[in-house]
Amino acid sequence: MIDLLTLSPMDVETIVHSVTKTGRCVIVQEAQKSFGPASEIIALINDHALMYLKAPVNRVTMYDLPVPLFGREQMYFPSQDRIFRAMIQTLND
């Protein structure tokens, strides 16, 4: 598990090393799926470690919808269950 503290500068070496070692990647972000940091990380993986992947990179993100009103935003964030299912799916691919 890698916790990126910053996106700029991004720790490219650690990400690429992890993907080449495991052959798998699940990215979790608390932002919408489209045009988020996960997309940039996936592009980086494709540039540097594509041939090492054993399964497609999986993203667990917020939904591509406007953020709901106060009190309901917790249903909008990636849940532990969604993250766990993405990890199992990536391991089984």
N, C-alpha and C. Protein backbone atom coordinates (compact mmCIF):
# COMPACT_ATOMS: atom_id res chain seq x y z
N MET A 1 0.85 -1.16 0.00
CA MET A 1 0.00 0.00 0.00
C MET A 1 0.90 1.23 0.00
N ILE A 2 0.58 2.15 -0.87
CA ILE A 2 1.33 3.40 -0.99
C ILE A 2 0.35 4.54 -0.70
N ASP A 3 0.72 5.42 0.21
CA ASP A 3 -0.09 6.60 0.50
C ASP A 3 0.67 7.80 -0.04
N LEU A 4 0.21 8.31 -1.18
CA LEU A 4 0.87 9.48 -1.77
C LEU A 4 0.51 10.71 -0.94
N LEU A 5 1.51 11.33 -0.36
CA LEU A 5 1.26 12.53 0.43
C LEU A 5 1.13 13.76 -0.45
N THR A 6 1.79 13.74 -1.60
CA THR A 6 1.68 14.85 -2.54
C THR A 6 1.57 14.31 -3.96
N LEU A 7 0.95 15.07 -4.81
CA LEU A 7 0.87 14.71 -6.22
C LEU A 7 1.96 15.41 -7.02
N SER A 8 2.53 16.46 -6.43
CA SER A 8 3.61 17.16 -7.09
C SER A 8 4.62 17.58 -6.03
N PRO A 9 5.76 16.99 -5.97
CA PRO A 9 6.27 15.95 -6.85
C PRO A 9 5.69 14.59 -6.48
N MET A 10 5.41 13.80 -7.50
CA MET A 10 4.86 12.46 -7.29
C MET A 10 6.01 11.46 -7.18
N ASP A 11 5.87 10.52 -6.29
CA ASP A 11 6.90 9.50 -6.06
C ASP A 11 6.77 8.40 -7.11
N VAL A 12 7.18 8.72 -8.33
CA VAL A 12 7.04 7.81 -9.47
C VAL A 12 7.81 6.52 -9.24
N GLU A 13 8.99 6.62 -8.71
CA GLU A 13 9.83 5.44 -8.50
C GLU A 13 9.15 4.40 -7.60
N THR A 14 8.53 4.85 -6.52
CA THR A 14 7.86 3.93 -5.60
C THR A 14 6.66 3.28 -6.26
N ILE A 15 5.88 4.05 -7.00
CA ILE A 15 4.71 3.50 -7.69
C ILE A 15 5.13 2.45 -8.70
N VAL A 16 6.09 2.78 -9.53
CA VAL A 16 6.54 1.85 -10.57
C VAL A 16 7.15 0.59 -9.95
N HIS A 17 7.93 0.76 -8.89
CA HIS A 17 8.53 -0.41 -8.22
C HIS A 17 7.43 -1.33 -7.68
N SER A 18 6.42 -0.77 -7.05
CA SER A 18 5.33 -1.57 -6.49
C SER A 18 4.58 -2.34 -7.57
N VAL A 19 4.26 -1.67 -8.67
CA VAL A 19 3.51 -2.31 -9.76
C VAL A 19 4.35 -3.40 -10.43
N THR A 20 5.63 -3.14 -10.64
CA THR A 20 6.47 -4.16 -11.27
C THR A 20 6.65 -5.37 -10.35
N LYS A 21 6.63 -5.13 -9.04
CA LYS A 21 6.79 -6.22 -8.07
C LYS A 21 5.54 -7.08 -7.96
N THR A 22 4.36 -6.45 -7.90
CA THR A 22 3.11 -7.19 -7.67
C THR A 22 2.34 -7.49 -8.95
N GLY A 23 2.49 -6.65 -9.96
CA GLY A 23 1.75 -6.83 -11.20
C GLY A 23 0.30 -6.38 -11.11
N ARG A 24 -0.05 -5.75 -10.01
CA ARG A 24 -1.44 -5.32 -9.80
C ARG A 24 -1.48 -3.94 -9.15
N CYS A 25 -2.63 -3.25 -9.32
CA CYS A 25 -2.76 -1.92 -8.73
C CYS A 25 -4.24 -1.58 -8.56
N VAL A 26 -4.59 -1.12 -7.36
CA VAL A 26 -5.92 -0.56 -7.08
C VAL A 26 -5.67 0.85 -6.56
N ILE A 27 -6.32 1.82 -7.17
CA ILE A 27 -6.15 3.22 -6.78
C ILE A 27 -7.45 3.70 -6.15
N VAL A 28 -7.34 4.29 -4.97
CA VAL A 28 -8.50 4.84 -4.26
C VAL A 28 -8.30 6.35 -4.17
N GLN A 29 -9.33 7.08 -4.57
CA GLN A 29 -9.26 8.54 -4.47
C GLN A 29 -10.60 9.08 -4.03
N GLU A 30 -10.57 10.14 -3.23
CA GLU A 30 -11.79 10.80 -2.78
C GLU A 30 -12.10 11.97 -3.72
N ALA A 31 -12.23 11.65 -4.98
CA ALA A 31 -12.59 12.62 -6.01
C ALA A 31 -13.38 11.86 -7.07
N GLN A 32 -14.06 12.59 -7.94
CA GLN A 32 -14.81 11.93 -9.01
C GLN A 32 -13.87 11.10 -9.86
N LYS A 33 -14.44 10.11 -10.54
CA LYS A 33 -13.65 9.20 -11.36
C LYS A 33 -13.00 9.92 -12.54
N SER A 34 -13.76 10.76 -13.21
CA SER A 34 -13.26 11.42 -14.41
C SER A 34 -12.29 12.55 -14.07
N PHE A 35 -11.18 12.57 -14.77
CA PHE A 35 -10.20 13.67 -14.71
C PHE A 35 -9.58 13.86 -13.33
N GLY A 36 -9.48 12.81 -12.54
CA GLY A 36 -8.89 12.92 -11.20
C GLY A 36 -7.44 12.49 -11.18
N PRO A 37 -6.83 12.55 -10.01
CA PRO A 37 -5.44 12.13 -9.86
C PRO A 37 -5.22 10.66 -10.24
N ALA A 38 -6.21 9.82 -10.03
CA ALA A 38 -6.06 8.40 -10.38
C ALA A 38 -5.79 8.23 -11.87
N SER A 39 -6.41 9.05 -12.69
CA SER A 39 -6.18 8.97 -14.14
C SER A 39 -4.72 9.25 -14.48
N GLU A 40 -4.14 10.23 -13.81
CA GLU A 40 -2.73 10.57 -14.05
C GLU A 40 -1.82 9.44 -13.56
N ILE A 41 -2.15 8.83 -12.44
CA ILE A 41 -1.34 7.73 -11.92
C ILE A 41 -1.42 6.53 -12.86
N ILE A 42 -2.60 6.26 -13.40
CA ILE A 42 -2.75 5.16 -14.36
C ILE A 42 -1.93 5.44 -15.62
N ALA A 43 -1.95 6.68 -16.10
CA ALA A 43 -1.14 7.04 -17.27
C ALA A 43 0.34 6.83 -16.97
N LEU A 44 0.76 7.19 -15.78
CA LEU A 44 2.15 6.99 -15.37
C LEU A 44 2.50 5.50 -15.36
N ILE A 45 1.61 4.68 -14.82
CA ILE A 45 1.84 3.23 -14.80
C ILE A 45 1.91 2.69 -16.23
N ASN A 46 1.04 3.17 -17.10
CA ASN A 46 1.07 2.73 -18.50
C ASN A 46 2.39 3.12 -19.18
N ASP A 47 2.92 4.27 -18.83
CA ASP A 47 4.18 4.71 -19.42
C ASP A 47 5.38 3.90 -18.94
N HIS A 48 5.37 3.48 -17.68
CA HIS A 48 6.57 2.89 -17.09
C HIS A 48 6.48 1.41 -16.74
N ALA A 49 5.26 0.86 -16.58
CA ALA A 49 5.17 -0.52 -16.07
C ALA A 49 4.05 -1.33 -16.72
N LEU A 50 3.60 -0.93 -17.88
CA LEU A 50 2.48 -1.61 -18.52
C LEU A 50 2.72 -3.11 -18.72
N MET A 51 3.90 -3.47 -19.14
CA MET A 51 4.18 -4.87 -19.46
C MET A 51 4.26 -5.76 -18.21
N TYR A 52 4.31 -5.17 -17.03
CA TYR A 52 4.36 -5.93 -15.78
C TYR A 52 2.98 -6.22 -15.20
N LEU A 53 1.95 -5.55 -15.72
CA LEU A 53 0.61 -5.71 -15.17
C LEU A 53 0.04 -7.09 -15.47
N LYS A 54 -0.51 -7.74 -14.44
CA LYS A 54 -1.17 -9.04 -14.59
C LYS A 54 -2.69 -8.86 -14.66
N ALA A 55 -3.17 -7.67 -14.31
CA ALA A 55 -4.60 -7.36 -14.32
C ALA A 55 -4.74 -5.86 -14.59
N PRO A 56 -5.89 -5.45 -15.10
CA PRO A 56 -6.10 -4.01 -15.32
C PRO A 56 -6.03 -3.24 -14.00
N VAL A 57 -5.57 -2.01 -14.06
CA VAL A 57 -5.57 -1.14 -12.89
C VAL A 57 -7.02 -0.84 -12.53
N ASN A 58 -7.35 -0.95 -11.27
CA ASN A 58 -8.73 -0.75 -10.81
C ASN A 58 -8.79 0.57 -10.03
N ARG A 59 -9.86 1.34 -10.25
CA ARG A 59 -10.06 2.61 -9.53
C ARG A 59 -11.29 2.53 -8.66
N VAL A 60 -11.17 2.99 -7.43
CA VAL A 60 -12.32 3.14 -6.53
C VAL A 60 -12.39 4.62 -6.21
N THR A 61 -13.47 5.26 -6.65
CA THR A 61 -13.56 6.71 -6.55
C THR A 61 -14.96 7.13 -6.12
N MET A 62 -15.12 8.44 -5.98
CA MET A 62 -16.47 8.98 -5.81
C MET A 62 -17.22 8.77 -7.12
N TYR A 63 -18.50 8.90 -7.07
CA TYR A 63 -19.30 8.77 -8.28
C TYR A 63 -19.20 10.06 -9.09
N ASP A 64 -19.38 9.97 -10.40
CA ASP A 64 -19.35 11.14 -11.27
C ASP A 64 -20.69 11.89 -11.19
N LEU A 65 -20.97 12.40 -10.03
CA LEU A 65 -22.20 13.13 -9.75
C LEU A 65 -21.86 14.35 -8.89
N PRO A 66 -22.75 15.33 -8.84
CA PRO A 66 -22.51 16.43 -7.91
C PRO A 66 -22.50 15.91 -6.47
N VAL A 67 -21.69 16.53 -5.63
CA VAL A 67 -21.61 16.11 -4.23
C VAL A 67 -22.96 16.33 -3.56
N PRO A 68 -23.47 15.32 -2.85
CA PRO A 68 -24.79 15.46 -2.22
C PRO A 68 -24.77 16.46 -1.06
N LEU A 69 -25.94 16.81 -0.61
CA LEU A 69 -26.07 17.77 0.48
C LEU A 69 -25.45 17.23 1.76
N PHE A 70 -25.15 18.12 2.68
CA PHE A 70 -24.53 17.79 3.95
C PHE A 70 -25.30 16.66 4.65
N GLY A 71 -24.59 15.72 5.19
CA GLY A 71 -25.20 14.60 5.90
C GLY A 71 -25.29 13.34 5.06
N ARG A 72 -25.20 13.47 3.76
CA ARG A 72 -25.28 12.29 2.88
C ARG A 72 -23.99 12.06 2.10
N GLU A 73 -23.00 12.90 2.33
CA GLU A 73 -21.78 12.77 1.55
C GLU A 73 -20.99 11.50 1.88
N GLN A 74 -21.20 10.91 3.05
CA GLN A 74 -20.49 9.68 3.38
C GLN A 74 -20.86 8.53 2.44
N MET A 75 -22.07 8.52 1.91
CA MET A 75 -22.49 7.49 0.95
C MET A 75 -21.79 7.70 -0.40
N TYR A 76 -21.27 8.87 -0.60
CA TYR A 76 -20.65 9.26 -1.86
C TYR A 76 -19.17 8.87 -1.93
N PHE A 77 -18.52 8.85 -0.77
CA PHE A 77 -17.09 8.51 -0.71
C PHE A 77 -16.88 7.02 -0.94
N PRO A 78 -15.69 6.62 -1.40
CA PRO A 78 -15.39 5.19 -1.54
C PRO A 78 -15.48 4.50 -0.17
N SER A 79 -16.25 3.42 -0.10
CA SER A 79 -16.42 2.71 1.16
C SER A 79 -15.41 1.57 1.28
N GLN A 80 -15.26 1.06 2.49
CA GLN A 80 -14.37 -0.08 2.71
C GLN A 80 -14.82 -1.27 1.88
N ASP A 81 -16.13 -1.45 1.77
CA ASP A 81 -16.67 -2.57 0.99
C ASP A 81 -16.31 -2.44 -0.49
N ARG A 82 -16.46 -1.24 -1.05
CA ARG A 82 -16.11 -1.04 -2.46
C ARG A 82 -14.62 -1.24 -2.70
N ILE A 83 -13.79 -0.77 -1.76
CA ILE A 83 -12.35 -0.95 -1.89
C ILE A 83 -12.00 -2.44 -1.82
N PHE A 84 -12.59 -3.15 -0.86
CA PHE A 84 -12.32 -4.58 -0.71
C PHE A 84 -12.73 -5.36 -1.96
N ARG A 85 -13.93 -5.05 -2.50
CA ARG A 85 -14.38 -5.74 -3.72
C ARG A 85 -13.45 -5.46 -4.90
N ALA A 86 -12.94 -4.24 -5.00
CA ALA A 86 -12.01 -3.91 -6.09
C ALA A 86 -10.70 -4.68 -5.93
N MET A 87 -10.25 -4.83 -4.71
CA MET A 87 -9.02 -5.58 -4.46
C MET A 87 -9.20 -7.05 -4.82
N ILE A 88 -10.31 -7.64 -4.42
CA ILE A 88 -10.58 -9.05 -4.75
C ILE A 88 -10.70 -9.22 -6.25
N GLN A 89 -11.40 -8.31 -6.93
CA GLN A 89 -11.55 -8.39 -8.37
C GLN A 89 -10.18 -8.31 -9.06
N THR A 90 -9.33 -7.42 -8.60
CA THR A 90 -8.01 -7.26 -9.20
C THR A 90 -7.15 -8.51 -8.96
N LEU A 91 -7.26 -9.10 -7.80
CA LEU A 91 -6.50 -10.33 -7.52
C LEU A 91 -7.00 -11.51 -8.36
N ASN A 92 -8.29 -11.54 -8.66
CA ASN A 92 -8.87 -12.65 -9.42
C ASN A 92 -8.72 -12.50 -10.92
N ASP A 93 -8.40 -11.31 -11.42
CA ASP A 93 -8.22 -11.09 -12.86
C ASP A 93 -6.93 -11.70 -13.34
